């Protein structure tokens, strides 16, 4: 059984999760706290564009 590999299907950059390195990325790029980054992921879902739009509105 093959494992999910974001490099092969190109979807890795479109999705974000609550993992520490992804929260840190959002903290740097959107200049928000860790709490706000995690809140955005929970509220907007795993789509990176939606998360960034959510953070832009807050």
PDB file of N, CA and C in Angstrom:
ATOM      1  N   UNK A   1       0.844  -1.172   0.000  1.00  0.00           N
ATOM      2  CA  UNK A   1       0.000   0.000   0.000  1.00  0.00           C
ATOM      3  C   UNK A   1       0.895   1.243   0.000  1.00  0.00           C
ATOM      4  N   UNK A   2       0.623   2.179  -0.861  1.00  0.00           N
ATOM      5  CA  UNK A   2       1.462   3.367  -0.948  1.00  0.00           C
ATOM      6  C   UNK A   2       1.014   4.412   0.064  1.00  0.00           C
ATOM      7  N   UNK A   3       1.973   5.209   0.521  1.00  0.00           N
ATOM      8  CA  UNK A   3       1.682   6.262   1.469  1.00  0.00           C
ATOM      9  C   UNK A   3       1.447   7.569   0.730  1.00  0.00           C
ATOM     10  N   UNK A   4       0.754   8.470   1.367  1.00  0.00           N
ATOM     11  CA  UNK A   4       0.512   9.799   0.817  1.00  0.00           C
ATOM     12  C   UNK A   4       1.828  10.546   0.697  1.00  0.00           C
ATOM     13  N   UNK A   5       2.119  11.037  -0.468  1.00  0.00           N
ATOM     14  CA  UNK A   5       3.345  11.777  -0.701  1.00  0.00           C
ATOM     15  C   UNK A   5       2.979  13.094  -1.381  1.00  0.00           C
ATOM     16  N   UNK A   6       2.986  14.225  -0.647  1.00  0.00           N
ATOM     17  CA  UNK A   6       2.579  15.496  -1.234  1.00  0.00           C
ATOM     18  C   UNK A   6       3.462  15.959  -2.375  1.00  0.00           C
ATOM     19  N   UNK A   7       4.703  15.508  -2.438  1.00  0.00           N
ATOM     20  CA  UNK A   7       5.584  15.915  -3.533  1.00  0.00           C
ATOM     21  C   UNK A   7       5.161  15.283  -4.854  1.00  0.00           C
ATOM     22  N   UNK A   8       4.538  14.123  -4.783  1.00  0.00           N
ATOM     23  CA  UNK A   8       4.135  13.451  -6.011  1.00  0.00           C
ATOM     24  C   UNK A   8       2.837  13.995  -6.583  1.00  0.00           C
ATOM     25  N   UNK A   9       1.894  14.401  -5.734  1.00  0.00           N
ATOM     26  CA  UNK A   9       0.633  14.862  -6.297  1.00  0.00           C
ATOM     27  C   UNK A   9       0.458  16.376  -6.224  1.00  0.00           C
ATOM     28  N   UNK A  10       1.400  17.093  -5.628  1.00  0.00           N
ATOM     29  CA  UNK A  10       1.372  18.541  -5.659  1.00  0.00           C
ATOM     30  C   UNK A  10       0.374  19.202  -4.729  1.00  0.00           C
ATOM     31  N   UNK A  11      -0.298  18.478  -3.859  1.00  0.00           N
ATOM     32  CA  UNK A  11      -1.307  19.071  -2.995  1.00  0.00           C
ATOM     33  C   UNK A  11      -0.745  19.518  -1.653  1.00  0.00           C
ATOM     34  N   UNK A  12       0.480  19.193  -1.342  1.00  0.00           N
ATOM     35  CA  UNK A  12       1.049  19.488  -0.039  1.00  0.00           C
ATOM     36  C   UNK A  12       1.063  20.964   0.313  1.00  0.00           C
ATOM     37  N   UNK A  13       1.268  21.808  -0.634  1.00  0.00           N
ATOM     38  CA  UNK A  13       1.343  23.242  -0.356  1.00  0.00           C
ATOM     39  C   UNK A  13      -0.039  23.876  -0.253  1.00  0.00           C
ATOM     40  N   UNK A  14      -1.062  23.204  -0.712  1.00  0.00           N
ATOM     41  CA  UNK A  14      -2.423  23.741  -0.647  1.00  0.00           C
ATOM     42  C   UNK A  14      -3.063  23.503   0.708  1.00  0.00           C
ATOM     43  N   UNK A  15      -2.563  22.539   1.462  1.00  0.00           N
ATOM     44  CA  UNK A  15      -3.190  22.151   2.712  1.00  0.00           C
ATOM     45  C   UNK A  15      -2.315  22.487   3.906  1.00  0.00           C
ATOM     46  N   UNK A  16      -2.954  22.840   5.010  1.00  0.00           N
ATOM     47  CA  UNK A  16      -2.243  23.084   6.261  1.00  0.00           C
ATOM     48  C   UNK A  16      -2.898  22.251   7.357  1.00  0.00           C
ATOM     49  N   UNK A  17      -2.148  21.964   8.379  1.00  0.00           N
ATOM     50  CA  UNK A  17      -2.680  21.216   9.512  1.00  0.00           C
ATOM     51  C   UNK A  17      -2.259  21.917  10.790  1.00  0.00           C
ATOM     52  N   UNK A  18      -2.597  21.342  11.910  1.00  0.00           N
ATOM     53  CA  UNK A  18      -2.257  21.938  13.189  1.00  0.00           C
ATOM     54  C   UNK A  18      -0.889  21.493  13.687  1.00  0.00           C
ATOM     55  N   UNK A  19      -0.079  20.929  12.825  1.00  0.00           N
ATOM     56  CA  UNK A  19       1.260  20.524  13.228  1.00  0.00           C
ATOM     57  C   UNK A  19       2.099  21.758  13.546  1.00  0.00           C
ATOM     58  N   UNK A  20       3.062  21.570  14.433  1.00  0.00           N
ATOM     59  CA  UNK A  20       3.851  22.696  14.934  1.00  0.00           C
ATOM     60  C   UNK A  20       4.559  23.482  13.829  1.00  0.00           C
ATOM     61  N   UNK A  21       5.157  22.791  12.856  1.00  0.00           N
ATOM     62  CA  UNK A  21       5.883  23.515  11.803  1.00  0.00           C
ATOM     63  C   UNK A  21       4.940  24.308  10.908  1.00  0.00           C
ATOM     64  N   UNK A  22       3.714  23.834  10.736  1.00  0.00           N
ATOM     65  CA  UNK A  22       2.758  24.574   9.916  1.00  0.00           C
ATOM     66  C   UNK A  22       2.205  25.777  10.663  1.00  0.00           C
ATOM     67  N   UNK A  23       1.982  25.627  11.959  1.00  0.00           N
ATOM     68  CA  UNK A  23       1.554  26.762  12.777  1.00  0.00           C
ATOM     69  C   UNK A  23       2.652  27.823  12.793  1.00  0.00           C
ATOM     70  N   UNK A  24       3.906  27.382  12.894  1.00  0.00           N
ATOM     71  CA  UNK A  24       5.033  28.319  12.889  1.00  0.00           C
ATOM     72  C   UNK A  24       5.111  29.067  11.563  1.00  0.00           C
ATOM     73  N   UNK A  25       4.854  28.387  10.456  1.00  0.00           N
ATOM     74  CA  UNK A  25       4.847  29.033   9.144  1.00  0.00           C
ATOM     75  C   UNK A  25       3.778  30.130   9.100  1.00  0.00           C
ATOM     76  N   UNK A  26       2.577  29.810   9.584  1.00  0.00           N
ATOM     77  CA  UNK A  26       1.510  30.811   9.592  1.00  0.00           C
ATOM     78  C   UNK A  26       1.851  31.975  10.509  1.00  0.00           C
ATOM     79  N   UNK A  27       2.478  31.680  11.630  1.00  0.00           N
ATOM     80  CA  UNK A  27       2.871  32.736  12.562  1.00  0.00           C
ATOM     81  C   UNK A  27       3.835  33.713  11.892  1.00  0.00           C
ATOM     82  N   UNK A  28       4.784  33.175  11.110  1.00  0.00           N
ATOM     83  CA  UNK A  28       5.766  34.024  10.420  1.00  0.00           C
ATOM     84  C   UNK A  28       5.133  34.800   9.267  1.00  0.00           C
ATOM     85  N   UNK A  29       4.376  34.105   8.428  1.00  0.00           N
ATOM     86  CA  UNK A  29       3.885  34.750   7.214  1.00  0.00           C
ATOM     87  C   UNK A  29       2.732  35.710   7.464  1.00  0.00           C
ATOM     88  N   UNK A  30       1.871  35.387   8.428  1.00  0.00           N
ATOM     89  CA  UNK A  30       0.722  36.246   8.702  1.00  0.00           C
ATOM     90  C   UNK A  30       0.938  37.145   9.916  1.00  0.00           C
ATOM     91  N   UNK A  31       2.082  37.012  10.562  1.00  0.00           N
ATOM     92  CA  UNK A  31       2.426  37.778  11.755  1.00  0.00           C
ATOM     93  C   UNK A  31       1.302  37.705  12.787  1.00  0.00           C
ATOM     94  N   UNK A  32       0.998  36.484  13.209  1.00  0.00           N
ATOM     95  CA  UNK A  32      -0.025  36.250  14.220  1.00  0.00           C
ATOM     96  C   UNK A  32       0.546  35.353  15.317  1.00  0.00           C
ATOM     97  N   UNK A  33      -0.181  35.242  16.409  1.00  0.00           N
ATOM     98  CA  UNK A  33       0.239  34.365  17.492  1.00  0.00           C
ATOM     99  C   UNK A  33      -0.073  32.918  17.129  1.00  0.00           C
ATOM    100  N   UNK A  34       0.503  32.007  17.879  1.00  0.00           N
ATOM    101  CA  UNK A  34       0.245  30.582  17.654  1.00  0.00           C
ATOM    102  C   UNK A  34      -1.234  30.286  17.855  1.00  0.00           C
ATOM    103  N   UNK A  35      -1.827  30.893  18.872  1.00  0.00           N
ATOM    104  CA  UNK A  35      -3.246  30.683  19.149  1.00  0.00           C
ATOM    105  C   UNK A  35      -4.108  31.128  17.973  1.00  0.00           C
ATOM    106  N   UNK A  36      -3.816  32.277  17.388  1.00  0.00           N
ATOM    107  CA  UNK A  36      -4.576  32.770  16.229  1.00  0.00           C
ATOM    108  C   UNK A  36      -4.371  31.870  15.014  1.00  0.00           C
ATOM    109  N   UNK A  37      -3.152  31.376  14.821  1.00  0.00           N
ATOM    110  CA  UNK A  37      -2.876  30.492  13.689  1.00  0.00           C
ATOM    111  C   UNK A  37      -3.680  29.202  13.806  1.00  0.00           C
ATOM    112  N   UNK A  38      -3.692  28.608  14.996  1.00  0.00           N
ATOM    113  CA  UNK A  38      -4.444  27.372  15.207  1.00  0.00           C
ATOM    114  C   UNK A  38      -5.941  27.613  15.099  1.00  0.00           C
ATOM    115  N   UNK A  39      -6.405  28.746  15.584  1.00  0.00           N
ATOM    116  CA  UNK A  39      -7.821  29.097  15.481  1.00  0.00           C
ATOM    117  C   UNK A  39      -8.221  29.216  14.012  1.00  0.00           C
ATOM    118  N   UNK A  40      -7.378  29.838  13.210  1.00  0.00           N
ATOM    119  CA  UNK A  40      -7.668  30.010  11.790  1.00  0.00           C
ATOM    120  C   UNK A  40      -7.765  28.661  11.084  1.00  0.00           C
ATOM    121  N   UNK A  41      -6.865  27.743  11.416  1.00  0.00           N
ATOM    122  CA  UNK A  41      -6.899  26.415  10.790  1.00  0.00           C
ATOM    123  C   UNK A  41      -8.184  25.694  11.170  1.00  0.00           C
ATOM    124  N   UNK A  42      -8.567  25.779  12.437  1.00  0.00           N
ATOM    125  CA  UNK A  42      -9.795  25.112  12.894  1.00  0.00           C
ATOM    126  C   UNK A  42     -11.035  25.715  12.258  1.00  0.00           C
ATOM    127  N   UNK A  43     -11.080  27.035  12.148  1.00  0.00           N
ATOM    128  CA  UNK A  43     -12.264  27.715  11.627  1.00  0.00           C
ATOM    129  C   UNK A  43     -12.369  27.659  10.098  1.00  0.00           C
ATOM    130  N   UNK A  44     -11.253  27.845   9.413  1.00  0.00           N
ATOM    131  CA  UNK A  44     -11.281  27.932   7.952  1.00  0.00           C
ATOM    132  C   UNK A  44     -11.072  26.584   7.267  1.00  0.00           C
ATOM    133  N   UNK A  45     -10.596  25.593   8.002  1.00  0.00           N
ATOM    134  CA  UNK A  45     -10.329  24.292   7.398  1.00  0.00           C
ATOM    135  C   UNK A  45      -8.896  24.193   6.926  1.00  0.00           C
ATOM    136  N   UNK A  46      -8.553  23.093   6.286  1.00  0.00           N
ATOM    137  CA  UNK A  46      -7.158  22.837   5.935  1.00  0.00           C
ATOM    138  C   UNK A  46      -6.652  23.534   4.665  1.00  0.00           C
ATOM    139  N   UNK A  47      -7.492  24.274   3.969  1.00  0.00           N
ATOM    140  CA  UNK A  47      -7.079  24.941   2.738  1.00  0.00           C
ATOM    141  C   UNK A  47      -6.255  26.181   3.075  1.00  0.00           C
ATOM    142  N   UNK A  48      -5.038  26.238   2.570  1.00  0.00           N
ATOM    143  CA  UNK A  48      -4.113  27.326   2.897  1.00  0.00           C
ATOM    144  C   UNK A  48      -4.674  28.696   2.504  1.00  0.00           C
ATOM    145  N   UNK A  49      -5.268  28.805   1.335  1.00  0.00           N
ATOM    146  CA  UNK A  49      -5.817  30.083   0.889  1.00  0.00           C
ATOM    147  C   UNK A  49      -6.935  30.563   1.807  1.00  0.00           C
ATOM    148  N   UNK A  50      -7.790  29.649   2.252  1.00  0.00           N
ATOM    149  CA  UNK A  50      -8.888  30.007   3.151  1.00  0.00           C
ATOM    150  C   UNK A  50      -8.357  30.428   4.511  1.00  0.00           C
ATOM    151  N   UNK A  51      -7.328  29.756   4.972  1.00  0.00           N
ATOM    152  CA  UNK A  51      -6.726  30.114   6.260  1.00  0.00           C
ATOM    153  C   UNK A  51      -6.128  31.509   6.184  1.00  0.00           C
ATOM    154  N   UNK A  52      -5.409  31.809   5.117  1.00  0.00           N
ATOM    155  CA  UNK A  52      -4.800  33.129   4.974  1.00  0.00           C
ATOM    156  C   UNK A  52      -5.883  34.212   4.825  1.00  0.00           C
ATOM    157  N   UNK A  53      -6.958  33.902   4.113  1.00  0.00           N
ATOM    158  CA  UNK A  53      -8.061  34.851   3.995  1.00  0.00           C
ATOM    159  C   UNK A  53      -8.706  35.082   5.357  1.00  0.00           C
ATOM    160  N   UNK A  54      -8.869  34.047   6.124  1.00  0.00           N
ATOM    161  CA  UNK A  54      -9.440  34.146   7.469  1.00  0.00           C
ATOM    162  C   UNK A  54      -8.556  35.047   8.335  1.00  0.00           C
ATOM    163  N   UNK A  55      -7.270  34.862   8.261  1.00  0.00           N
ATOM    164  CA  UNK A  55      -6.352  35.678   9.056  1.00  0.00           C
ATOM    165  C   UNK A  55      -6.345  37.116   8.583  1.00  0.00           C
ATOM    166  N   UNK A  56      -6.586  37.347   7.323  1.00  0.00           N
ATOM    167  CA  UNK A  56      -6.651  38.708   6.810  1.00  0.00           C
ATOM    168  C   UNK A  56      -7.870  39.458   7.293  1.00  0.00           C
ATOM    169  N   UNK A  57      -8.932  38.737   7.569  1.00  0.00           N
ATOM    170  CA  UNK A  57     -10.163  39.354   8.039  1.00  0.00           C
ATOM    171  C   UNK A  57     -10.136  39.636   9.531  1.00  0.00           C
ATOM    172  N   UNK A  58      -9.293  38.940  10.261  1.00  0.00           N
ATOM    173  CA  UNK A  58      -9.266  39.090  11.724  1.00  0.00           C
ATOM    174  C   UNK A  58      -8.406  40.263  12.128  1.00  0.00           C
TER     175      UNK A  58
END
